[in-house]
């Protein structure tokens, strides 16, 4: 039969072990939480770079449509469709910018951007039939700026997707996934372009 002293020592040892295990668990939770926060902040910051370029493109499109309107008087429906798609994409971008961690908001932006790209593609196809418009110096400058902006959007989108992939991988690996669920770190949505034709910046020949 163990003496009271030995029993007391064993109780202290058990208590110390339990306390150490709790301390280790807490430190691990804090470390994982901080890593998840840093990873989430990285992809949020990456989306901010996309947002800057999208705003620039949304500002360019009305000027482009206004210039085209003087030459394409019989293409009113197409021009109005571009403006409508631009406004919807701008609204979707504002929602995504407010919560880039919201997968639904990013998916909404992807859909709106696809619709805008489609409307712009139809406009550019029609522009090929208007040589005077293609010869317009202001239009040529707007198209050059738009193409440059599209390239920056593509570059920023890739940086965002890389950051999202790193975050999602971090939150899905064990034991991070346990704490990610506890602290409500949701999976982030990649900003993907499903239609391959939408991956390329718009091109119109002004020669």
N, C-alpha and C. Protein backbone atom coordinates (compact mmCIF):
# COMPACT_ATOMS: atom_id res chain seq x y z
N UNK A 1 0.86 -1.20 0.00
CA UNK A 1 0.00 0.00 0.00
C UNK A 1 0.89 1.24 0.00
N UNK A 2 0.67 2.19 -1.01
CA UNK A 2 1.55 3.37 -1.11
C UNK A 2 1.38 4.27 0.10
N UNK A 3 2.46 4.85 0.53
CA UNK A 3 2.41 5.78 1.65
C UNK A 3 1.75 7.08 1.20
N UNK A 4 1.22 7.87 2.13
CA UNK A 4 0.60 9.15 1.77
C UNK A 4 1.54 10.08 1.02
N UNK A 5 2.82 10.04 1.37
CA UNK A 5 3.80 10.92 0.72
C UNK A 5 3.95 10.56 -0.74
N UNK A 6 4.08 9.22 -1.01
CA UNK A 6 4.23 8.78 -2.38
C UNK A 6 2.98 9.07 -3.20
N UNK A 7 1.82 8.88 -2.59
CA UNK A 7 0.56 9.16 -3.27
C UNK A 7 0.46 10.64 -3.62
N UNK A 8 0.91 11.49 -2.69
CA UNK A 8 0.89 12.93 -2.92
C UNK A 8 1.84 13.31 -4.06
N UNK A 9 3.04 12.70 -4.05
CA UNK A 9 4.01 12.97 -5.13
C UNK A 9 3.44 12.55 -6.48
N UNK A 10 2.78 11.40 -6.54
CA UNK A 10 2.20 10.92 -7.79
C UNK A 10 1.11 11.87 -8.28
N UNK A 11 0.32 12.38 -7.35
CA UNK A 11 -0.75 13.32 -7.71
C UNK A 11 -0.18 14.60 -8.29
N UNK A 12 0.93 15.08 -7.68
CA UNK A 12 1.58 16.29 -8.18
C UNK A 12 2.15 16.06 -9.58
N UNK A 13 2.74 14.90 -9.78
CA UNK A 13 3.31 14.59 -11.10
C UNK A 13 2.22 14.56 -12.15
N UNK A 14 1.10 13.92 -11.83
CA UNK A 14 -0.03 13.86 -12.77
C UNK A 14 -0.54 15.27 -13.07
N UNK A 15 -0.65 16.08 -12.01
CA UNK A 15 -1.13 17.46 -12.18
C UNK A 15 -0.19 18.26 -13.07
N UNK A 16 1.11 18.10 -12.82
CA UNK A 16 2.11 18.83 -13.61
C UNK A 16 2.03 18.40 -15.08
N UNK A 17 1.90 17.09 -15.31
CA UNK A 17 1.80 16.58 -16.69
C UNK A 17 0.57 17.14 -17.38
N UNK A 18 -0.56 17.14 -16.68
CA UNK A 18 -1.80 17.67 -17.25
C UNK A 18 -1.65 19.16 -17.59
N UNK A 19 -1.05 19.91 -16.66
CA UNK A 19 -0.86 21.35 -16.89
C UNK A 19 0.04 21.58 -18.10
N UNK A 20 1.12 20.80 -18.19
CA UNK A 20 2.03 20.93 -19.33
C UNK A 20 1.32 20.61 -20.64
N UNK A 21 0.49 19.59 -20.64
CA UNK A 21 -0.26 19.22 -21.85
C UNK A 21 -1.22 20.34 -22.26
N UNK A 22 -1.85 20.95 -21.26
CA UNK A 22 -2.76 22.07 -21.55
C UNK A 22 -1.99 23.25 -22.12
N UNK A 23 -0.82 23.54 -21.50
CA UNK A 23 0.00 24.66 -21.97
C UNK A 23 0.46 24.42 -23.41
N UNK A 24 0.90 23.19 -23.69
CA UNK A 24 1.35 22.85 -25.05
C UNK A 24 0.20 23.00 -26.03
N UNK A 25 -1.00 22.52 -25.65
CA UNK A 25 -2.16 22.62 -26.54
C UNK A 25 -2.53 24.07 -26.81
N UNK A 26 -2.46 24.90 -25.76
CA UNK A 26 -2.78 26.32 -25.92
C UNK A 26 -1.77 27.00 -26.84
N UNK A 27 -0.47 26.72 -26.60
CA UNK A 27 0.57 27.31 -27.44
C UNK A 27 0.42 26.88 -28.90
N UNK A 28 0.09 25.60 -29.09
CA UNK A 28 -0.12 25.10 -30.45
C UNK A 28 -1.31 25.80 -31.10
N UNK A 29 -2.39 25.96 -30.35
CA UNK A 29 -3.59 26.62 -30.88
C UNK A 29 -3.28 28.07 -31.26
N UNK A 30 -2.54 28.76 -30.40
CA UNK A 30 -2.18 30.16 -30.68
C UNK A 30 -1.31 30.25 -31.92
N UNK A 31 -0.33 29.34 -32.03
CA UNK A 31 0.57 29.34 -33.18
C UNK A 31 -0.19 29.09 -34.49
N UNK A 32 -1.07 28.08 -34.47
CA UNK A 32 -1.84 27.75 -35.67
C UNK A 32 -2.79 28.89 -36.02
N UNK A 33 -3.44 29.46 -35.01
CA UNK A 33 -4.36 30.57 -35.25
C UNK A 33 -3.64 31.74 -35.91
N UNK A 34 -2.46 32.09 -35.39
CA UNK A 34 -1.71 33.21 -35.94
C UNK A 34 -1.26 32.93 -37.38
N UNK A 35 -0.88 31.69 -37.66
CA UNK A 35 -0.48 31.33 -39.03
C UNK A 35 -1.66 31.41 -39.98
N UNK A 36 -2.82 30.98 -39.54
CA UNK A 36 -4.02 31.06 -40.37
C UNK A 36 -4.40 32.52 -40.63
N UNK A 37 -4.29 33.35 -39.61
CA UNK A 37 -4.60 34.78 -39.77
C UNK A 37 -3.65 35.42 -40.78
N UNK A 38 -2.36 35.11 -40.67
CA UNK A 38 -1.38 35.69 -41.60
C UNK A 38 -1.67 35.23 -43.04
N UNK A 39 -1.99 33.95 -43.20
CA UNK A 39 -2.27 33.43 -44.53
C UNK A 39 -3.54 34.06 -45.11
N UNK A 40 -4.54 34.25 -44.26
CA UNK A 40 -5.79 34.88 -44.72
C UNK A 40 -5.54 36.34 -45.09
N UNK A 41 -4.74 37.03 -44.31
CA UNK A 41 -4.43 38.43 -44.62
C UNK A 41 -3.65 38.56 -45.93
N UNK A 42 -2.82 37.55 -46.23
CA UNK A 42 -2.05 37.60 -47.48
C UNK A 42 -2.98 37.55 -48.69
N UNK A 43 -3.97 36.64 -48.66
CA UNK A 43 -4.82 36.59 -49.85
C UNK A 43 -5.80 37.76 -49.90
N UNK A 44 -6.15 38.31 -48.73
CA UNK A 44 -6.97 39.52 -48.73
C UNK A 44 -6.21 40.68 -49.37
N UNK A 45 -4.94 40.82 -48.99
CA UNK A 45 -4.10 41.86 -49.57
C UNK A 45 -3.91 41.63 -51.07
N UNK A 46 -3.77 40.38 -51.47
CA UNK A 46 -3.62 40.06 -52.89
C UNK A 46 -4.88 40.45 -53.66
N UNK A 47 -6.05 40.25 -53.05
CA UNK A 47 -7.28 40.65 -53.74
C UNK A 47 -7.36 42.16 -53.87
N UNK A 48 -6.82 42.88 -52.90
CA UNK A 48 -6.83 44.34 -52.97
C UNK A 48 -6.11 44.82 -54.22
N UNK A 49 -5.07 44.10 -54.63
CA UNK A 49 -4.35 44.46 -55.85
C UNK A 49 -5.22 44.20 -57.09
N UNK A 50 -5.99 43.13 -57.08
CA UNK A 50 -6.94 42.89 -58.17
C UNK A 50 -7.96 44.02 -58.22
N UNK A 51 -8.45 44.40 -57.06
CA UNK A 51 -9.49 45.42 -56.97
C UNK A 51 -9.02 46.74 -57.58
N UNK A 52 -7.77 47.09 -57.34
CA UNK A 52 -7.21 48.33 -57.90
C UNK A 52 -7.29 48.31 -59.43
N UNK A 53 -6.89 47.18 -60.01
CA UNK A 53 -6.88 47.08 -61.48
C UNK A 53 -8.30 46.99 -62.05
N UNK A 54 -9.19 46.31 -61.34
CA UNK A 54 -10.57 46.23 -61.82
C UNK A 54 -11.22 47.61 -61.82
N UNK A 55 -10.97 48.40 -60.79
CA UNK A 55 -11.53 49.75 -60.73
C UNK A 55 -11.01 50.59 -61.89
N UNK A 56 -9.76 50.42 -62.22
CA UNK A 56 -9.19 51.16 -63.35
C UNK A 56 -9.89 50.75 -64.64
N UNK A 57 -10.14 49.46 -64.82
CA UNK A 57 -10.81 48.99 -66.02
C UNK A 57 -12.25 49.49 -66.06
N UNK A 58 -12.94 49.46 -64.92
CA UNK A 58 -14.32 49.95 -64.88
C UNK A 58 -14.39 51.44 -65.22
N UNK A 59 -13.34 52.18 -64.90
CA UNK A 59 -13.30 53.60 -65.24
C UNK A 59 -13.03 53.82 -66.73
N UNK A 60 -12.28 52.91 -67.34
CA UNK A 60 -11.94 53.06 -68.75
C UNK A 60 -13.11 52.72 -69.68
N UNK A 61 -13.91 51.74 -69.29
CA UNK A 61 -14.94 51.23 -70.18
C UNK A 61 -15.97 52.29 -70.59
N UNK A 62 -16.50 53.12 -69.68
CA UNK A 62 -17.46 54.15 -70.12
C UNK A 62 -16.85 55.12 -71.14
N UNK A 63 -15.57 55.47 -70.96
CA UNK A 63 -14.92 56.35 -71.93
C UNK A 63 -14.81 55.68 -73.29
N UNK A 64 -14.51 54.38 -73.26
CA UNK A 64 -14.39 53.64 -74.51
C UNK A 64 -15.74 53.56 -75.22
N UNK A 65 -16.79 53.27 -74.46
CA UNK A 65 -18.13 53.19 -75.04
C UNK A 65 -18.58 54.54 -75.57
N UNK A 66 -18.28 55.60 -74.84
CA UNK A 66 -18.67 56.95 -75.28
C UNK A 66 -17.98 57.31 -76.58
N UNK A 67 -16.72 56.93 -76.71
CA UNK A 67 -16.00 57.20 -77.96
C UNK A 67 -16.58 56.38 -79.11
N UNK A 68 -16.88 55.12 -78.83
CA UNK A 68 -17.43 54.24 -79.86
C UNK A 68 -18.82 54.69 -80.28
N UNK A 69 -19.58 55.28 -79.37
CA UNK A 69 -20.96 55.67 -79.65
C UNK A 69 -21.05 56.63 -80.83
N UNK A 70 -20.06 57.50 -80.98
CA UNK A 70 -20.08 58.46 -82.09
C UNK A 70 -19.95 57.81 -83.46
N UNK A 71 -19.41 56.60 -83.50
CA UNK A 71 -19.21 55.91 -84.77
C UNK A 71 -20.17 54.73 -84.95
N UNK A 72 -20.65 54.19 -83.85
CA UNK A 72 -21.47 52.97 -83.91
C UNK A 72 -22.91 53.28 -83.48
N UNK A 73 -23.53 54.22 -84.17
CA UNK A 73 -24.87 54.68 -83.80
C UNK A 73 -25.91 53.57 -83.94
N UNK A 74 -25.64 52.60 -84.80
CA UNK A 74 -26.61 51.54 -85.03
C UNK A 74 -26.34 50.32 -84.14
N UNK A 75 -25.41 50.46 -83.22
CA UNK A 75 -25.06 49.34 -82.34
C UNK A 75 -25.40 49.68 -80.89
N UNK A 76 -26.49 50.40 -80.73
CA UNK A 76 -26.87 50.88 -79.40
C UNK A 76 -27.07 49.73 -78.41
N UNK A 77 -27.69 48.66 -78.86
CA UNK A 77 -27.96 47.53 -77.97
C UNK A 77 -26.67 46.93 -77.41
N UNK A 78 -25.68 46.79 -78.28
CA UNK A 78 -24.39 46.24 -77.85
C UNK A 78 -23.70 47.17 -76.86
N UNK A 79 -23.73 48.46 -77.15
CA UNK A 79 -23.09 49.43 -76.27
C UNK A 79 -23.76 49.46 -74.89
N UNK A 80 -25.08 49.41 -74.89
CA UNK A 80 -25.81 49.41 -73.62
C UNK A 80 -25.54 48.12 -72.83
N UNK A 81 -25.39 47.02 -73.54
CA UNK A 81 -25.09 45.75 -72.88
C UNK A 81 -23.74 45.80 -72.18
N UNK A 82 -22.77 46.47 -72.80
CA UNK A 82 -21.44 46.61 -72.20
C UNK A 82 -21.53 47.41 -70.90
N UNK A 83 -22.24 48.53 -70.95
CA UNK A 83 -22.38 49.37 -69.76
C UNK A 83 -23.11 48.64 -68.65
N UNK A 84 -24.16 47.91 -69.00
CA UNK A 84 -24.90 47.15 -68.00
C UNK A 84 -24.02 46.08 -67.35
N UNK A 85 -23.27 45.36 -68.19
CA UNK A 85 -22.37 44.33 -67.67
C UNK A 85 -21.27 44.94 -66.82
N UNK A 86 -20.80 46.10 -67.23
CA UNK A 86 -19.76 46.81 -66.46
C UNK A 86 -20.29 47.20 -65.09
N UNK A 87 -21.51 47.72 -65.02
CA UNK A 87 -22.09 48.14 -63.74
C UNK A 87 -22.31 46.94 -62.82
N UNK A 88 -22.76 45.83 -63.38
CA UNK A 88 -22.96 44.63 -62.56
C UNK A 88 -21.64 44.08 -62.05
N UNK A 89 -20.61 44.11 -62.89
CA UNK A 89 -19.29 43.64 -62.46
C UNK A 89 -18.72 44.55 -61.38
N UNK A 90 -18.92 45.84 -61.53
CA UNK A 90 -18.44 46.79 -60.53
C UNK A 90 -19.10 46.55 -59.19
N UNK A 91 -20.41 46.29 -59.20
CA UNK A 91 -21.13 45.99 -57.96
C UNK A 91 -20.63 44.69 -57.33
N UNK A 92 -20.41 43.68 -58.16
CA UNK A 92 -19.91 42.41 -57.65
C UNK A 92 -18.50 42.57 -57.08
N UNK A 93 -17.69 43.41 -57.71
CA UNK A 93 -16.33 43.66 -57.22
C UNK A 93 -16.36 44.36 -55.87
N UNK A 94 -17.29 45.26 -55.68
CA UNK A 94 -17.41 45.96 -54.40
C UNK A 94 -17.76 44.97 -53.28
N UNK A 95 -18.65 44.04 -53.59
CA UNK A 95 -19.03 43.04 -52.60
C UNK A 95 -17.86 42.11 -52.28
N UNK A 96 -17.13 41.71 -53.30
CA UNK A 96 -15.98 40.84 -53.09
C UNK A 96 -14.86 41.56 -52.35
N UNK A 97 -14.70 42.84 -52.64
CA UNK A 97 -13.65 43.62 -51.97
C UNK A 97 -13.94 43.75 -50.48
N UNK A 98 -15.24 43.83 -50.13
CA UNK A 98 -15.61 43.96 -48.72
C UNK A 98 -15.32 42.68 -47.95
N UNK A 99 -15.46 41.50 -48.63
CA UNK A 99 -15.21 40.21 -47.96
C UNK A 99 -14.58 39.24 -48.96
N UNK A 100 -13.29 39.40 -49.26
CA UNK A 100 -12.65 38.48 -50.21
C UNK A 100 -12.56 37.05 -49.70
N UNK A 101 -12.79 36.85 -48.39
CA UNK A 101 -12.79 35.49 -47.85
C UNK A 101 -14.13 34.80 -48.07
N UNK A 102 -15.12 35.54 -48.56
CA UNK A 102 -16.44 34.98 -48.83
C UNK A 102 -16.44 34.32 -50.21
N UNK A 103 -16.49 32.99 -50.23
CA UNK A 103 -16.44 32.26 -51.50
C UNK A 103 -17.59 32.65 -52.42
N UNK A 104 -18.76 32.92 -51.85
CA UNK A 104 -19.91 33.31 -52.65
C UNK A 104 -19.69 34.63 -53.36
N UNK A 105 -19.05 35.58 -52.68
CA UNK A 105 -18.77 36.89 -53.28
C UNK A 105 -17.78 36.76 -54.42
N UNK A 106 -16.76 35.93 -54.26
CA UNK A 106 -15.77 35.73 -55.32
C UNK A 106 -16.42 35.04 -56.52
N UNK A 107 -17.27 34.05 -56.26
CA UNK A 107 -17.97 33.37 -57.36
C UNK A 107 -18.88 34.35 -58.10
N UNK A 108 -19.53 35.24 -57.35
CA UNK A 108 -20.38 36.25 -57.98
C UNK A 108 -19.57 37.17 -58.88
N UNK A 109 -18.38 37.54 -58.43
CA UNK A 109 -17.50 38.39 -59.24
C UNK A 109 -17.03 37.64 -60.48
N UNK A 110 -16.71 36.37 -60.32
CA UNK A 110 -16.29 35.58 -61.48
C UNK A 110 -17.38 35.54 -62.55
N UNK A 111 -18.62 35.34 -62.13
CA UNK A 111 -19.72 35.32 -63.08
C UNK A 111 -19.93 36.66 -63.76
N UNK A 112 -19.87 37.73 -62.97
CA UNK A 112 -20.06 39.08 -63.52
C UNK A 112 -18.93 39.45 -64.48
N UNK A 113 -17.70 39.05 -64.12
CA UNK A 113 -16.56 39.33 -64.99
C UNK A 113 -16.68 38.56 -66.31
N UNK A 114 -17.18 37.32 -66.22
CA UNK A 114 -17.39 36.55 -67.44
C UNK A 114 -18.39 37.21 -68.36
N UNK A 115 -19.48 37.74 -67.78
CA UNK A 115 -20.50 38.42 -68.58
C UNK A 115 -19.94 39.69 -69.20
N UNK A 116 -19.13 40.43 -68.44
CA UNK A 116 -18.53 41.66 -68.96
C UNK A 116 -17.57 41.35 -70.10
N UNK A 117 -16.74 40.33 -69.91
CA UNK A 117 -15.79 39.96 -70.96
C UNK A 117 -16.52 39.56 -72.24
N UNK A 118 -17.63 38.83 -72.08
CA UNK A 118 -18.41 38.44 -73.24
C UNK A 118 -18.99 39.65 -73.97
N UNK A 119 -19.52 40.62 -73.21
CA UNK A 119 -20.09 41.83 -73.81
C UNK A 119 -19.00 42.65 -74.50
N UNK A 120 -17.84 42.74 -73.87
CA UNK A 120 -16.73 43.48 -74.49
C UNK A 120 -16.26 42.79 -75.76
N UNK A 121 -16.23 41.46 -75.74
CA UNK A 121 -15.82 40.71 -76.93
C UNK A 121 -16.74 40.98 -78.11
N UNK A 122 -18.04 41.05 -77.84
CA UNK A 122 -18.99 41.34 -78.92
C UNK A 122 -18.79 42.76 -79.46
N UNK A 123 -18.48 43.70 -78.56
CA UNK A 123 -18.21 45.07 -78.99
C UNK A 123 -16.96 45.14 -79.86
N UNK A 124 -15.91 44.47 -79.44
CA UNK A 124 -14.66 44.50 -80.21
C UNK A 124 -14.84 43.86 -81.58
N UNK A 125 -15.65 42.81 -81.64
CA UNK A 125 -15.90 42.17 -82.93
C UNK A 125 -16.59 43.14 -83.88
N UNK A 126 -17.53 43.92 -83.37
CA UNK A 126 -18.23 44.90 -84.21
C UNK A 126 -17.32 46.06 -84.61
N UNK A 127 -16.41 46.41 -83.72
CA UNK A 127 -15.50 47.53 -84.00
C UNK A 127 -14.66 47.27 -85.24
N UNK A 128 -14.41 46.01 -85.55
CA UNK A 128 -13.62 45.67 -86.74
C UNK A 128 -14.29 46.16 -88.01
N UNK A 129 -15.60 46.39 -87.95
CA UNK A 129 -16.35 46.84 -89.13
C UNK A 129 -16.40 48.36 -89.26
N UNK A 130 -15.72 49.06 -88.36
CA UNK A 130 -15.75 50.53 -88.37
C UNK A 130 -14.32 51.07 -88.46
N UNK A 131 -13.80 51.17 -89.67
CA UNK A 131 -12.40 51.63 -89.84
C UNK A 131 -12.15 53.03 -89.30
N UNK A 132 -13.15 53.89 -89.39
CA UNK A 132 -12.97 55.25 -88.87
C UNK A 132 -12.79 55.23 -87.35
N UNK A 133 -13.53 54.36 -86.69
CA UNK A 133 -13.39 54.23 -85.24
C UNK A 133 -12.02 53.68 -84.89
N UNK A 134 -11.56 52.69 -85.63
CA UNK A 134 -10.25 52.10 -85.37
C UNK A 134 -9.13 53.11 -85.62
N UNK A 135 -9.42 54.11 -86.48
CA UNK A 135 -8.42 55.13 -86.77
C UNK A 135 -8.44 56.25 -85.74
N UNK A 136 -9.42 56.26 -84.87
CA UNK A 136 -9.54 57.31 -83.87
C UNK A 136 -8.42 57.18 -82.84
N UNK A 137 -7.67 58.27 -82.66
CA UNK A 137 -6.50 58.23 -81.78
C UNK A 137 -6.89 58.03 -80.32
N UNK A 138 -7.99 58.64 -79.91
CA UNK A 138 -8.45 58.47 -78.53
C UNK A 138 -8.83 57.02 -78.25
N UNK A 139 -9.51 56.39 -79.22
CA UNK A 139 -9.88 54.99 -79.06
C UNK A 139 -8.64 54.10 -78.98
N UNK A 140 -7.66 54.38 -79.82
CA UNK A 140 -6.43 53.59 -79.80
C UNK A 140 -5.74 53.68 -78.45
N UNK A 141 -5.73 54.89 -77.88
CA UNK A 141 -5.10 55.08 -76.56
C UNK A 141 -5.88 54.34 -75.47
N UNK A 142 -7.22 54.43 -75.54
CA UNK A 142 -8.05 53.73 -74.56
C UNK A 142 -7.85 52.22 -74.63
N UNK A 143 -7.76 51.71 -75.85
CA UNK A 143 -7.56 50.27 -76.02
C UNK A 143 -6.20 49.83 -75.48
N UNK A 144 -5.20 50.68 -75.68
CA UNK A 144 -3.86 50.37 -75.17
C UNK A 144 -3.88 50.32 -73.64
N UNK A 145 -4.55 51.30 -73.03
CA UNK A 145 -4.65 51.33 -71.58
C UNK A 145 -5.46 50.14 -71.05
N UNK A 146 -6.52 49.79 -71.78
CA UNK A 146 -7.35 48.67 -71.36
C UNK A 146 -6.58 47.35 -71.43
N UNK A 147 -5.83 47.17 -72.51
CA UNK A 147 -5.04 45.95 -72.65
C UNK A 147 -3.99 45.85 -71.55
N UNK A 148 -3.35 46.97 -71.24
CA UNK A 148 -2.36 46.99 -70.16
C UNK A 148 -3.01 46.65 -68.82
N UNK A 149 -4.20 47.19 -68.61
CA UNK A 149 -4.91 46.92 -67.37
C UNK A 149 -5.33 45.45 -67.28
N UNK A 150 -5.78 44.88 -68.39
CA UNK A 150 -6.15 43.46 -68.42
C UNK A 150 -4.96 42.58 -68.05
N UNK A 151 -3.80 42.94 -68.53
CA UNK A 151 -2.60 42.17 -68.20
C UNK A 151 -2.28 42.26 -66.71
N UNK A 152 -2.48 43.44 -66.14
CA UNK A 152 -2.24 43.61 -64.70
C UNK A 152 -3.28 42.83 -63.89
N UNK A 153 -4.52 42.81 -64.37
CA UNK A 153 -5.56 42.02 -63.69
C UNK A 153 -5.16 40.55 -63.68
N UNK A 154 -4.70 40.05 -64.83
CA UNK A 154 -4.30 38.64 -64.92
C UNK A 154 -3.15 38.33 -63.97
N UNK A 155 -2.17 39.23 -63.90
CA UNK A 155 -1.03 39.03 -63.01
C UNK A 155 -1.47 39.04 -61.55
N UNK A 156 -2.34 40.00 -61.19
CA UNK A 156 -2.84 40.10 -59.82
C UNK A 156 -3.70 38.91 -59.45
N UNK A 157 -4.47 38.42 -60.43
CA UNK A 157 -5.32 37.25 -60.17
C UNK A 157 -4.47 36.03 -59.87
N UNK A 158 -3.36 35.87 -60.56
CA UNK A 158 -2.47 34.74 -60.31
C UNK A 158 -1.86 34.82 -58.91
N UNK A 159 -1.46 36.03 -58.52
CA UNK A 159 -0.89 36.22 -57.18
C UNK A 159 -1.94 35.91 -56.11
N UNK A 160 -3.17 36.32 -56.36
CA UNK A 160 -4.27 36.03 -55.42
C UNK A 160 -4.51 34.53 -55.32
N UNK A 161 -4.56 33.85 -56.47
CA UNK A 161 -4.80 32.41 -56.46
C UNK A 161 -3.69 31.65 -55.74
N UNK A 162 -2.45 32.11 -55.91
CA UNK A 162 -1.33 31.48 -55.20
C UNK A 162 -1.50 31.63 -53.69
N UNK A 163 -1.92 32.83 -53.25
CA UNK A 163 -2.11 33.08 -51.82
C UNK A 163 -3.29 32.27 -51.28
N UNK A 164 -4.35 32.15 -52.08
CA UNK A 164 -5.51 31.35 -51.66
C UNK A 164 -5.13 29.88 -51.54
N UNK A 165 -4.36 29.39 -52.50
CA UNK A 165 -3.94 27.99 -52.46
C UNK A 165 -3.09 27.71 -51.22
N UNK A 166 -2.20 28.62 -50.89
CA UNK A 166 -1.37 28.45 -49.70
C UNK A 166 -2.22 28.45 -48.43
N UNK A 167 -3.19 29.34 -48.37
CA UNK A 167 -4.08 29.41 -47.21
C UNK A 167 -4.92 28.14 -47.08
N UNK A 168 -5.53 27.71 -48.20
CA UNK A 168 -6.38 26.51 -48.15
C UNK A 168 -5.58 25.27 -47.76
N UNK A 169 -4.36 25.17 -48.28
CA UNK A 169 -3.50 24.04 -47.92
C UNK A 169 -3.18 24.06 -46.43
N UNK A 170 -2.90 25.25 -45.91
CA UNK A 170 -2.57 25.39 -44.49
C UNK A 170 -3.75 24.97 -43.61
N UNK A 171 -4.95 25.41 -43.97
CA UNK A 171 -6.13 25.12 -43.13
C UNK A 171 -6.60 23.67 -43.27
N UNK A 172 -6.21 22.98 -44.33
CA UNK A 172 -6.67 21.61 -44.54
C UNK A 172 -5.73 20.56 -43.96
N UNK A 173 -4.50 20.94 -43.63
CA UNK A 173 -3.54 19.97 -43.11
C UNK A 173 -3.76 19.75 -41.61
N UNK A 174 -3.43 18.55 -41.16
CA UNK A 174 -3.58 18.19 -39.74
C UNK A 174 -2.37 18.68 -38.95
N UNK A 175 -2.53 19.22 -37.75
CA UNK A 175 -3.78 19.41 -36.99
C UNK A 175 -4.44 20.77 -37.23
N UNK A 176 -3.93 21.51 -38.24
CA UNK A 176 -4.48 22.85 -38.49
C UNK A 176 -5.98 22.80 -38.76
N UNK A 177 -6.43 21.73 -39.45
CA UNK A 177 -7.84 21.66 -39.81
C UNK A 177 -8.75 21.62 -38.58
N UNK A 178 -8.26 21.05 -37.50
CA UNK A 178 -9.06 21.01 -36.27
C UNK A 178 -9.29 22.42 -35.74
N UNK A 179 -8.21 23.18 -35.64
CA UNK A 179 -8.31 24.54 -35.12
C UNK A 179 -8.98 25.48 -36.11
N UNK A 180 -8.80 25.23 -37.41
CA UNK A 180 -9.46 26.05 -38.43
C UNK A 180 -10.97 25.94 -38.29
N UNK A 181 -11.44 24.72 -38.02
CA UNK A 181 -12.87 24.53 -37.80
C UNK A 181 -13.34 25.20 -36.52
N UNK A 182 -12.54 25.10 -35.47
CA UNK A 182 -12.90 25.70 -34.18
C UNK A 182 -13.00 27.22 -34.29
N UNK A 183 -12.07 27.82 -35.06
CA UNK A 183 -12.02 29.27 -35.16
C UNK A 183 -12.72 29.81 -36.41
N UNK A 184 -13.44 28.94 -37.12
CA UNK A 184 -14.26 29.33 -38.26
C UNK A 184 -13.44 29.95 -39.41
N UNK A 185 -12.32 29.34 -39.71
CA UNK A 185 -11.55 29.74 -40.89
C UNK A 185 -12.10 28.95 -42.09
N UNK A 186 -12.92 29.61 -42.91
CA UNK A 186 -13.56 28.95 -44.03
C UNK A 186 -12.61 28.85 -45.23
N UNK A 187 -12.88 27.89 -46.11
CA UNK A 187 -12.08 27.75 -47.33
C UNK A 187 -12.27 28.97 -48.21
N UNK A 188 -11.19 29.43 -48.82
CA UNK A 188 -11.25 30.58 -49.73
C UNK A 188 -11.47 30.09 -51.16
N UNK A 189 -12.04 30.97 -51.99
CA UNK A 189 -12.37 30.63 -53.37
C UNK A 189 -11.31 31.18 -54.32
N UNK A 190 -10.80 30.32 -55.21
CA UNK A 190 -9.90 30.78 -56.26
C UNK A 190 -10.66 31.68 -57.22
N UNK A 191 -9.97 32.66 -57.77
CA UNK A 191 -10.56 33.55 -58.78
C UNK A 191 -10.17 32.97 -60.14
N UNK A 192 -11.01 32.08 -60.65
CA UNK A 192 -10.69 31.36 -61.88
C UNK A 192 -11.52 31.87 -63.04
N UNK A 193 -10.98 31.70 -64.24
CA UNK A 193 -11.69 32.03 -65.48
C UNK A 193 -11.96 30.71 -66.18
N UNK A 194 -13.24 30.33 -66.26
CA UNK A 194 -13.58 29.03 -66.83
C UNK A 194 -13.42 29.00 -68.34
N UNK A 195 -13.81 30.09 -69.01
CA UNK A 195 -13.73 30.15 -70.47
C UNK A 195 -12.32 30.55 -70.87
N UNK A 196 -11.63 29.69 -71.59
CA UNK A 196 -10.24 29.98 -71.98
C UNK A 196 -10.13 31.27 -72.77
N UNK A 197 -11.17 31.60 -73.54
CA UNK A 197 -11.12 32.81 -74.36
C UNK A 197 -11.10 34.07 -73.51
N UNK A 198 -11.54 33.95 -72.25
CA UNK A 198 -11.57 35.10 -71.36
C UNK A 198 -10.22 35.34 -70.70
N UNK A 199 -9.29 34.42 -70.85
CA UNK A 199 -7.99 34.57 -70.21
C UNK A 199 -7.10 35.58 -70.93
N UNK A 200 -7.39 35.81 -72.20
CA UNK A 200 -6.55 36.70 -72.99
C UNK A 200 -7.09 38.13 -72.93
N UNK A 201 -6.17 39.09 -72.91
CA UNK A 201 -6.57 40.48 -72.96
C UNK A 201 -7.21 40.76 -74.32
N UNK A 202 -8.23 41.63 -74.40
CA UNK A 202 -8.90 41.91 -75.66
C UNK A 202 -7.95 42.53 -76.67
N UNK A 203 -8.09 42.13 -77.91
CA UNK A 203 -7.21 42.62 -78.96
C UNK A 203 -8.05 43.14 -80.13
N UNK A 204 -7.76 44.35 -80.53
CA UNK A 204 -8.37 44.93 -81.73
C UNK A 204 -7.26 45.56 -82.53
N UNK A 205 -7.22 45.25 -83.81
CA UNK A 205 -6.16 45.78 -84.66
C UNK A 205 -6.48 47.21 -85.05
N UNK A 206 -5.56 48.12 -84.77
CA UNK A 206 -5.75 49.53 -85.13
C UNK A 206 -4.78 49.95 -86.22
N UNK A 207 -4.27 48.96 -86.95
CA UNK A 207 -3.36 49.27 -88.05
C UNK A 207 -4.13 49.57 -89.31
